[in-house]
């Protein structure tokens, strides 16, 4: 599953070591909570694999805007995942953020 693979690449840690469809669905639901701009950039960059330059060109925004929306999307998504107890532990010095592209 593309979303699950991307989330694992993003460095999320789950209560269970074996990925489940339920967890993947929970992550997708959490991504849907994000504001549209954050969600769009997160999807294009982390899941679809576009560069920030390509995203900026597609969305007619500055490259720095793509980067900042992506960073904010990761932070917001992590907060949502921790709050919903999908992440097994709270952020530790943004360790998981370093694993994302």
N, C-alpha and C. Protein backbone atom coordinates (compact mmCIF):
# COMPACT_ATOMS: atom_id res chain seq x y z
N UNK A 1 0.84 -1.17 0.00
CA UNK A 1 0.00 0.00 0.00
C UNK A 1 0.89 1.24 0.00
N UNK A 2 0.67 2.13 -0.93
CA UNK A 2 1.53 3.28 -1.13
C UNK A 2 1.59 4.19 0.10
N UNK A 3 0.45 4.48 0.71
CA UNK A 3 0.41 5.36 1.87
C UNK A 3 1.18 4.73 3.03
N UNK A 4 0.97 3.43 3.26
CA UNK A 4 1.66 2.76 4.36
C UNK A 4 3.17 2.81 4.17
N UNK A 5 3.63 2.51 2.97
CA UNK A 5 5.06 2.53 2.68
C UNK A 5 5.63 3.92 2.92
N UNK A 6 4.92 4.95 2.47
CA UNK A 6 5.38 6.32 2.68
C UNK A 6 5.43 6.67 4.15
N UNK A 7 4.45 6.24 4.91
CA UNK A 7 4.42 6.54 6.34
C UNK A 7 5.56 5.83 7.06
N UNK A 8 5.85 4.61 6.66
CA UNK A 8 6.98 3.90 7.26
C UNK A 8 8.28 4.63 6.92
N UNK A 9 8.40 5.13 5.68
CA UNK A 9 9.57 5.87 5.27
C UNK A 9 9.68 7.17 6.08
N UNK A 10 8.55 7.72 6.51
CA UNK A 10 8.55 8.94 7.28
C UNK A 10 9.02 8.72 8.71
N UNK A 11 9.19 7.47 9.11
CA UNK A 11 9.75 7.18 10.41
C UNK A 11 8.74 7.03 11.53
N UNK A 12 7.48 6.83 11.22
CA UNK A 12 6.48 6.64 12.27
C UNK A 12 6.75 5.34 13.00
N UNK A 13 6.44 5.33 14.29
CA UNK A 13 6.56 4.13 15.10
C UNK A 13 5.17 3.79 15.60
N UNK A 14 4.82 2.55 15.50
CA UNK A 14 3.48 2.11 15.83
C UNK A 14 3.48 1.20 17.04
N UNK A 15 2.32 1.07 17.67
CA UNK A 15 2.16 0.18 18.82
C UNK A 15 2.51 -1.26 18.43
N UNK A 16 2.14 -1.66 17.22
CA UNK A 16 2.42 -3.01 16.75
C UNK A 16 3.55 -2.94 15.73
N UNK A 17 4.36 -3.97 15.68
CA UNK A 17 5.46 -3.97 14.73
C UNK A 17 4.99 -4.39 13.33
N UNK A 18 3.89 -5.10 13.23
CA UNK A 18 3.37 -5.54 11.94
C UNK A 18 2.36 -4.53 11.44
N UNK A 19 2.58 -3.98 10.23
CA UNK A 19 1.65 -2.99 9.70
C UNK A 19 0.25 -3.60 9.54
N UNK A 20 -0.74 -2.78 9.76
CA UNK A 20 -2.09 -3.25 9.59
C UNK A 20 -2.88 -2.29 8.73
N UNK A 21 -3.90 -2.81 8.11
CA UNK A 21 -4.78 -1.99 7.29
C UNK A 21 -5.45 -0.93 8.16
N UNK A 22 -5.77 -1.28 9.39
CA UNK A 22 -6.41 -0.34 10.31
C UNK A 22 -5.49 0.86 10.54
N UNK A 23 -4.21 0.62 10.79
CA UNK A 23 -3.28 1.71 11.02
C UNK A 23 -3.14 2.58 9.78
N UNK A 24 -3.05 1.97 8.62
CA UNK A 24 -2.95 2.73 7.38
C UNK A 24 -4.18 3.61 7.20
N UNK A 25 -5.36 3.06 7.48
CA UNK A 25 -6.59 3.84 7.36
C UNK A 25 -6.60 4.99 8.37
N UNK A 26 -6.09 4.74 9.56
CA UNK A 26 -6.03 5.79 10.57
C UNK A 26 -5.12 6.93 10.12
N UNK A 27 -4.01 6.58 9.53
CA UNK A 27 -3.07 7.60 9.04
C UNK A 27 -3.70 8.42 7.92
N UNK A 28 -4.38 7.74 7.00
CA UNK A 28 -5.05 8.45 5.91
C UNK A 28 -6.09 9.41 6.48
N UNK A 29 -6.84 8.97 7.48
CA UNK A 29 -7.83 9.85 8.11
C UNK A 29 -7.16 11.05 8.76
N UNK A 30 -6.02 10.85 9.39
CA UNK A 30 -5.29 11.96 10.00
C UNK A 30 -4.77 12.93 8.95
N UNK A 31 -4.31 12.40 7.83
CA UNK A 31 -3.84 13.27 6.75
C UNK A 31 -5.00 14.11 6.22
N UNK A 32 -6.19 13.54 6.18
CA UNK A 32 -7.37 14.28 5.70
C UNK A 32 -7.74 15.44 6.61
N UNK A 33 -7.30 15.40 7.85
CA UNK A 33 -7.58 16.49 8.80
C UNK A 33 -6.73 17.72 8.50
N UNK A 34 -5.58 17.52 7.88
CA UNK A 34 -4.67 18.63 7.59
C UNK A 34 -5.34 19.66 6.68
N UNK A 35 -4.96 20.93 6.83
CA UNK A 35 -5.44 21.95 5.89
C UNK A 35 -5.06 21.57 4.46
N UNK A 36 -5.85 21.98 3.51
CA UNK A 36 -5.68 21.56 2.11
C UNK A 36 -4.28 21.84 1.57
N UNK A 37 -3.71 22.99 1.87
CA UNK A 37 -2.37 23.32 1.37
C UNK A 37 -1.32 22.37 1.92
N UNK A 38 -1.39 22.12 3.23
CA UNK A 38 -0.45 21.20 3.86
C UNK A 38 -0.62 19.80 3.29
N UNK A 39 -1.87 19.37 3.20
CA UNK A 39 -2.17 18.03 2.71
C UNK A 39 -1.68 17.84 1.28
N UNK A 40 -1.89 18.84 0.44
CA UNK A 40 -1.48 18.76 -0.96
C UNK A 40 0.03 18.62 -1.08
N UNK A 41 0.77 19.49 -0.38
CA UNK A 41 2.23 19.45 -0.45
C UNK A 41 2.76 18.15 0.16
N UNK A 42 2.21 17.72 1.28
CA UNK A 42 2.63 16.45 1.89
C UNK A 42 2.44 15.29 0.92
N UNK A 43 1.30 15.24 0.29
CA UNK A 43 1.01 14.17 -0.67
C UNK A 43 1.98 14.22 -1.86
N UNK A 44 2.15 15.39 -2.43
CA UNK A 44 3.01 15.51 -3.61
C UNK A 44 4.47 15.19 -3.29
N UNK A 45 4.93 15.63 -2.13
CA UNK A 45 6.35 15.44 -1.80
C UNK A 45 6.63 14.05 -1.21
N UNK A 46 5.93 13.70 -0.13
CA UNK A 46 6.25 12.46 0.59
C UNK A 46 5.69 11.22 -0.07
N UNK A 47 4.53 11.33 -0.69
CA UNK A 47 3.89 10.13 -1.24
C UNK A 47 4.16 10.00 -2.74
N UNK A 48 3.99 11.11 -3.47
CA UNK A 48 4.18 11.05 -4.92
C UNK A 48 5.64 11.23 -5.35
N UNK A 49 6.46 11.84 -4.49
CA UNK A 49 7.89 11.94 -4.76
C UNK A 49 8.34 13.13 -5.59
N UNK A 50 7.49 14.15 -5.71
CA UNK A 50 7.90 15.35 -6.45
C UNK A 50 8.86 16.18 -5.59
N UNK A 51 9.71 16.96 -6.26
CA UNK A 51 10.61 17.87 -5.55
C UNK A 51 9.84 19.13 -5.17
N UNK A 52 10.42 19.92 -4.26
CA UNK A 52 9.76 21.18 -3.89
C UNK A 52 9.70 22.13 -5.08
N UNK A 53 10.69 22.09 -5.93
CA UNK A 53 10.69 22.92 -7.13
C UNK A 53 9.52 22.53 -8.04
N UNK A 54 9.34 21.23 -8.26
CA UNK A 54 8.24 20.75 -9.10
C UNK A 54 6.88 21.11 -8.50
N UNK A 55 6.78 20.98 -7.18
CA UNK A 55 5.53 21.31 -6.50
C UNK A 55 5.24 22.80 -6.65
N UNK A 56 6.26 23.61 -6.46
CA UNK A 56 6.09 25.07 -6.60
C UNK A 56 5.60 25.42 -7.99
N UNK A 57 6.17 24.79 -9.00
CA UNK A 57 5.73 25.05 -10.37
C UNK A 57 4.29 24.59 -10.60
N UNK A 58 3.94 23.42 -10.07
CA UNK A 58 2.58 22.88 -10.25
C UNK A 58 1.53 23.75 -9.58
N UNK A 59 1.85 24.23 -8.38
CA UNK A 59 0.86 24.95 -7.58
C UNK A 59 0.98 26.46 -7.69
N UNK A 60 1.94 26.92 -8.48
CA UNK A 60 2.19 28.35 -8.67
C UNK A 60 2.44 29.04 -7.32
N UNK A 61 3.36 28.44 -6.56
CA UNK A 61 3.79 29.00 -5.28
C UNK A 61 5.31 29.06 -5.28
N UNK A 62 5.87 29.72 -4.29
CA UNK A 62 7.32 29.76 -4.14
C UNK A 62 7.82 28.40 -3.63
N UNK A 63 9.03 28.06 -4.00
CA UNK A 63 9.63 26.82 -3.52
C UNK A 63 9.72 26.82 -2.00
N UNK A 64 10.03 27.96 -1.42
CA UNK A 64 10.11 28.07 0.04
C UNK A 64 8.75 27.84 0.70
N UNK A 65 7.68 28.21 0.02
CA UNK A 65 6.33 27.98 0.53
C UNK A 65 6.05 26.48 0.56
N UNK A 66 6.47 25.77 -0.47
CA UNK A 66 6.30 24.33 -0.49
C UNK A 66 7.05 23.70 0.68
N UNK A 67 8.28 24.13 0.90
CA UNK A 67 9.08 23.58 2.00
C UNK A 67 8.43 23.86 3.36
N UNK A 68 7.99 25.10 3.56
CA UNK A 68 7.41 25.45 4.86
C UNK A 68 6.08 24.74 5.09
N UNK A 69 5.26 24.61 4.05
CA UNK A 69 3.99 23.90 4.22
C UNK A 69 4.24 22.42 4.50
N UNK A 70 5.26 21.86 3.88
CA UNK A 70 5.61 20.46 4.14
C UNK A 70 6.07 20.28 5.59
N UNK A 71 6.93 21.17 6.06
CA UNK A 71 7.41 21.10 7.44
C UNK A 71 6.26 21.24 8.42
N UNK A 72 5.39 22.19 8.17
CA UNK A 72 4.23 22.39 9.06
C UNK A 72 3.28 21.20 9.00
N UNK A 73 3.12 20.62 7.82
CA UNK A 73 2.26 19.44 7.67
C UNK A 73 2.81 18.28 8.49
N UNK A 74 4.12 18.05 8.45
CA UNK A 74 4.73 16.97 9.23
C UNK A 74 4.50 17.19 10.72
N UNK A 75 4.71 18.42 11.18
CA UNK A 75 4.52 18.74 12.59
C UNK A 75 3.07 18.50 13.01
N UNK A 76 2.14 19.02 12.20
CA UNK A 76 0.73 18.89 12.52
C UNK A 76 0.30 17.43 12.49
N UNK A 77 0.77 16.69 11.49
CA UNK A 77 0.43 15.27 11.39
C UNK A 77 0.96 14.50 12.58
N UNK A 78 2.18 14.78 12.97
CA UNK A 78 2.74 14.11 14.14
C UNK A 78 1.90 14.40 15.39
N UNK A 79 1.52 15.66 15.57
CA UNK A 79 0.70 16.03 16.73
C UNK A 79 -0.62 15.27 16.72
N UNK A 80 -1.24 15.15 15.57
CA UNK A 80 -2.51 14.43 15.45
C UNK A 80 -2.30 12.95 15.75
N UNK A 81 -1.25 12.36 15.21
CA UNK A 81 -0.98 10.93 15.42
C UNK A 81 -0.69 10.62 16.88
N UNK A 82 0.03 11.50 17.56
CA UNK A 82 0.32 11.31 18.98
C UNK A 82 -0.98 11.45 19.78
N UNK A 83 -1.75 12.48 19.47
CA UNK A 83 -3.01 12.72 20.19
C UNK A 83 -3.97 11.54 20.05
N UNK A 84 -4.02 10.95 18.86
CA UNK A 84 -4.91 9.82 18.62
C UNK A 84 -4.27 8.48 19.02
N UNK A 85 -3.05 8.56 19.58
CA UNK A 85 -2.31 7.38 20.05
C UNK A 85 -2.01 6.38 18.93
N UNK A 86 -1.80 6.90 17.74
CA UNK A 86 -1.39 6.06 16.62
C UNK A 86 0.13 5.95 16.64
N UNK A 87 0.80 7.04 17.00
CA UNK A 87 2.24 6.98 17.26
C UNK A 87 2.42 6.41 18.65
N UNK A 88 3.39 5.53 18.81
CA UNK A 88 3.57 4.85 20.09
C UNK A 88 4.16 5.74 21.16
N UNK A 89 4.81 6.81 20.77
CA UNK A 89 5.39 7.70 21.78
C UNK A 89 5.44 9.12 21.23
N UNK A 90 5.46 10.08 22.12
CA UNK A 90 5.54 11.47 21.65
C UNK A 90 6.88 11.76 21.00
N UNK A 91 6.92 12.85 20.34
CA UNK A 91 8.12 13.32 19.64
C UNK A 91 9.33 13.34 20.58
N UNK A 92 10.43 12.88 20.09
CA UNK A 92 11.68 12.96 20.84
C UNK A 92 12.69 13.72 19.99
N UNK A 93 12.79 14.99 20.23
CA UNK A 93 13.70 15.86 19.48
C UNK A 93 13.53 15.71 17.98
N UNK A 94 12.28 15.56 17.55
CA UNK A 94 11.94 15.48 16.13
C UNK A 94 12.73 14.39 15.40
N UNK A 95 13.08 13.33 16.11
CA UNK A 95 13.86 12.22 15.53
C UNK A 95 13.20 11.66 14.27
N UNK A 96 11.89 11.45 14.31
CA UNK A 96 11.21 10.87 13.16
C UNK A 96 11.19 11.82 11.97
N UNK A 97 11.27 13.14 12.24
CA UNK A 97 11.24 14.10 11.14
C UNK A 97 12.47 13.97 10.24
N UNK A 98 13.58 13.56 10.84
CA UNK A 98 14.81 13.43 10.08
C UNK A 98 14.73 12.29 9.06
N UNK A 99 13.83 11.34 9.30
CA UNK A 99 13.72 10.18 8.40
C UNK A 99 12.95 10.50 7.13
N UNK A 100 12.25 11.63 7.11
CA UNK A 100 11.43 11.97 5.94
C UNK A 100 12.31 12.63 4.89
N UNK A 101 12.31 12.04 3.73
CA UNK A 101 13.07 12.56 2.58
C UNK A 101 14.04 13.58 3.00
